[in-house]
Protein backbone atom coordinates (compact mmCIF):
# COMPACT_ATOMS: atom_id res chain seq x y z
CA UNK A 1 -24.54 -18.40 27.79
CA UNK A 2 -22.70 -15.11 27.89
CA UNK A 3 -19.36 -14.73 26.16
CA UNK A 4 -16.69 -12.48 27.60
CA UNK A 5 -13.72 -11.14 25.63
CA UNK A 6 -11.12 -9.44 27.80
CA UNK A 7 -7.80 -7.96 26.80
CA UNK A 8 -5.32 -6.77 29.41
CA UNK A 9 -2.06 -5.01 28.71
CA UNK A 10 0.69 -4.57 31.29
CA UNK A 11 3.80 -2.49 30.62
CA UNK A 12 6.55 -3.05 33.20
CA UNK A 13 10.08 -1.78 33.84
CA UNK A 14 11.39 -5.33 34.22
CA UNK A 15 13.46 -7.50 31.87
CA UNK A 16 11.49 -9.79 29.58
CA UNK A 17 13.16 -12.95 30.92
CA UNK A 18 12.19 -12.12 34.52
CA UNK A 19 8.60 -11.35 33.54
CA UNK A 20 8.43 -14.53 31.44
CA UNK A 21 9.86 -16.72 34.23
CA UNK A 22 7.52 -15.26 36.86
CA UNK A 23 4.36 -15.64 34.77
CA UNK A 24 5.37 -19.13 33.63
CA UNK A 25 5.79 -20.16 37.30
CA UNK A 26 2.03 -20.51 37.80
CA UNK A 27 2.47 -22.71 40.89
CA UNK A 28 3.74 -19.62 42.76
CA UNK A 29 1.27 -17.00 41.51
CA UNK A 30 -0.45 -16.82 44.91
CA UNK A 31 2.81 -15.40 46.36
CA UNK A 32 2.48 -12.21 44.31
CA UNK A 33 -1.03 -12.17 42.78
CA UNK A 34 -3.44 -11.42 45.65
CA UNK A 35 -6.52 -12.67 43.77
CA UNK A 36 -5.08 -16.16 43.27
CA UNK A 37 -6.28 -18.21 46.23
CA UNK A 38 -5.01 -21.64 45.25
CA UNK A 39 -3.04 -23.37 42.50
CA UNK A 40 -2.80 -27.13 42.26
CA UNK A 41 -0.93 -28.97 39.50
CA UNK A 42 -2.97 -31.95 38.31
CA UNK A 43 -0.77 -33.07 35.38
CA UNK A 44 2.84 -31.94 34.84
CA UNK A 45 2.91 -31.80 31.02
CA UNK A 46 6.07 -32.17 28.95
CA UNK A 47 9.52 -30.69 29.60
CA UNK A 48 8.42 -27.32 28.14
CA UNK A 49 5.17 -27.29 30.11
CA UNK A 50 2.82 -28.09 27.22
CA UNK A 51 0.02 -30.28 28.50
CA UNK A 52 0.34 -29.04 32.09
CA UNK A 53 -3.04 -29.01 33.82
CA UNK A 54 -3.63 -26.88 36.89
CA UNK A 55 -6.64 -26.11 39.00
CA UNK A 56 -6.80 -22.43 39.97
CA UNK A 57 -9.12 -20.68 42.41
CA UNK A 58 -9.57 -16.93 42.00
CA UNK A 59 -11.28 -14.36 44.20
CA UNK A 60 -11.65 -10.74 43.11
CA UNK A 61 -13.32 -7.80 44.82
CA UNK A 62 -16.84 -9.24 44.56
CA UNK A 63 -18.08 -11.88 47.05
CA UNK A 64 -17.54 -14.99 44.95
CA UNK A 65 -14.68 -17.25 43.86
CA UNK A 66 -14.18 -19.13 40.60
CA UNK A 67 -12.36 -22.44 40.27
CA UNK A 68 -11.37 -23.91 36.93
CA UNK A 69 -8.71 -26.03 35.28
CA UNK A 70 -6.27 -24.73 32.70
CA UNK A 71 -4.35 -26.85 30.21
CA UNK A 72 -1.33 -25.34 28.45
CA UNK A 73 -1.69 -26.05 24.72
CA UNK A 74 1.20 -24.08 23.20
CA UNK A 75 4.40 -22.37 24.32
CA UNK A 76 6.66 -20.20 22.19
CA UNK A 77 9.45 -19.31 24.66
CA UNK A 78 9.64 -15.62 25.61
CA UNK A 79 6.79 -14.88 23.16
CA UNK A 80 3.53 -16.69 23.90
CA UNK A 81 1.65 -19.14 26.12
CA UNK A 82 -1.77 -20.50 25.11
CA UNK A 83 -4.19 -22.48 27.20
CA UNK A 84 -7.75 -23.68 27.55
CA UNK A 85 -9.93 -23.44 30.64
CA UNK A 86 -12.64 -25.85 31.77
CA UNK A 87 -14.85 -25.86 34.84
CA UNK A 88 -16.74 -22.86 36.21
CA UNK A 89 -15.14 -20.85 33.40
CA UNK A 90 -14.58 -22.28 29.92
CA UNK A 91 -12.64 -20.82 27.03
CA UNK A 92 -9.14 -19.81 25.99
CA UNK A 93 -6.36 -17.62 27.32
CA UNK A 94 -3.32 -16.28 25.50
CA UNK A 95 -0.34 -14.56 27.13
CA UNK A 96 1.86 -12.61 24.69
CA UNK A 97 5.19 -11.03 25.58
CA UNK A 98 7.14 -8.30 23.82
CA UNK A 99 9.51 -5.43 24.54
CA UNK A 100 9.51 -1.72 23.80
CA UNK A 101 13.04 -0.61 24.61
CA UNK A 102 13.55 -1.36 28.32
CA UNK A 103 9.80 -1.94 28.88
CA UNK A 104 8.32 -5.43 28.84
CA UNK A 105 4.82 -5.59 27.39
CA UNK A 106 2.46 -8.36 28.45
CA UNK A 107 -0.86 -8.84 26.66
CA UNK A 108 -3.42 -11.28 27.99
CA UNK A 109 -6.54 -12.23 26.01
CA UNK A 110 -9.19 -14.17 27.92
CA UNK A 111 -12.14 -15.35 25.83
CA UNK A 112 -14.52 -17.29 28.03
CA UNK A 113 -18.05 -18.07 29.07
CA UNK A 114 -19.30 -18.76 32.57
CA UNK A 115 -20.68 -22.14 33.56
CA UNK A 116 -22.21 -21.04 36.86
CA UNK A 117 -25.98 -20.79 36.48
CA UNK A 118 -26.44 -17.82 38.80
CA UNK A 119 -23.84 -15.81 36.89
CA UNK A 120 -25.53 -16.48 33.56
CA UNK A 121 -28.95 -15.60 35.01
CA UNK A 122 -27.66 -12.33 36.45
CA UNK A 123 -25.48 -11.49 33.46
CA UNK A 124 -27.98 -9.16 31.75
CA UNK A 125 -27.77 -6.78 34.72
CA UNK A 126 -24.51 -7.83 36.39
CA UNK A 127 -22.23 -8.10 33.34
CA UNK A 128 -20.62 -4.68 33.99
CA UNK A 129 -19.80 -5.82 37.53
CA UNK A 130 -18.31 -9.10 36.28
CA UNK A 131 -16.16 -7.14 33.82
CA UNK A 132 -15.12 -4.68 36.53
CA UNK A 133 -14.19 -7.61 38.79
CA UNK A 134 -12.08 -9.22 36.06
CA UNK A 135 -10.28 -5.93 35.48
CA UNK A 136 -9.71 -5.61 39.24
CA UNK A 137 -8.15 -9.10 39.30
CA UNK A 138 -5.87 -8.25 36.38
CA UNK A 139 -4.83 -4.88 37.82
CA UNK A 140 -3.90 -6.58 41.10
CA UNK A 141 -1.88 -9.09 39.07
CA UNK A 142 0.03 -6.36 37.26
CA UNK A 143 0.73 -4.57 40.55
CA UNK A 144 1.83 -7.80 42.23
CA UNK A 145 4.07 -8.75 39.33
CA UNK A 146 5.74 -5.34 39.38
CA UNK A 147 6.24 -5.57 43.15
CA UNK A 148 7.75 -9.07 43.12
CA UNK A 149 10.13 -8.01 40.33
CA UNK A 150 11.00 -4.72 42.06
CA UNK A 151 9.75 -2.92 38.95
CA UNK A 152 7.15 -0.32 38.07
CA UNK A 153 3.85 -1.04 36.41
CA UNK A 154 4.05 1.73 33.84
CA UNK A 155 0.63 1.01 32.41
CA UNK A 156 -2.28 -1.36 32.96
CA UNK A 157 -5.05 -1.27 30.38
CA UNK A 158 -8.17 -3.41 30.30
CA UNK A 159 -10.67 -3.61 27.50
CA UNK A 160 -13.20 -5.99 26.07
CA UNK A 161 -12.18 -5.68 22.46
CA UNK A 162 -12.62 -8.82 20.34
CA UNK A 163 -9.95 -11.56 20.43
CA UNK A 164 -8.21 -10.34 17.26
CA UNK A 165 -7.21 -7.19 19.15
CA UNK A 166 -4.31 -8.99 20.82
CA UNK A 167 -2.39 -9.05 17.53
CA UNK A 168 1.19 -7.87 17.36
CA UNK A 169 0.18 -4.60 15.70
CA UNK A 170 -1.84 -3.63 18.79
CA UNK A 171 -0.04 -1.00 20.81
CA UNK A 172 -0.94 0.84 24.02
CA UNK A 173 -2.07 3.96 22.15
CA UNK A 174 -4.50 1.87 20.07
CA UNK A 175 -5.89 0.31 23.24
CA UNK A 176 -6.29 3.69 24.96
CA UNK A 177 -8.07 5.08 21.88
CA UNK A 178 -10.35 2.04 21.60
CA UNK A 179 -11.13 2.19 25.30
CA UNK A 180 -11.92 5.88 25.00
CA UNK A 181 -14.26 5.21 22.05
CA UNK A 182 -15.98 2.41 23.98
CA UNK A 183 -16.36 4.61 27.04
CA UNK A 184 -17.66 7.48 24.91
CA UNK A 185 -20.25 5.23 23.24
CA UNK A 186 -21.45 3.72 26.52
CA UNK A 187 -22.25 7.17 27.91
CA UNK A 188 -24.53 8.12 25.00
């Protein structure tokens, strides 16, 4: 089974509290995130949202959709949301929030493996397409978030660095440099 490690970074000209509230309002993602086709809350969780279980259906640029459940396992208000996914995709996701002056920085780490047989069979040749599709989905999310908040998406970076790369010391320059190194190595 193929493992995927994605890291996305969005930098937006929107206040942290507005970004936090919009991302935490998963039930309404389909209003601003074009790749979210359906969200259904299965279990409400506690007052903070820990334990909330939702079923999400996603559709990127490629001709397939993925449906899976997410369970929120940890919330540190205005800083971090952690969850686990089960279904057609299994693994963990971590949203981290920070500020750089008037810019809100959102980092999302998605460490998963696919449960769909055809995807695993095609992975040796189709993995770059699956990665491209994930990055497309995340770029559309960053653009949609900026639009709904009447803000600018200053930067959207995607990489497949290992999970530790989401650490607080990670900054956009580090991600650009790592992405450049990865791109340089893949062309040789």
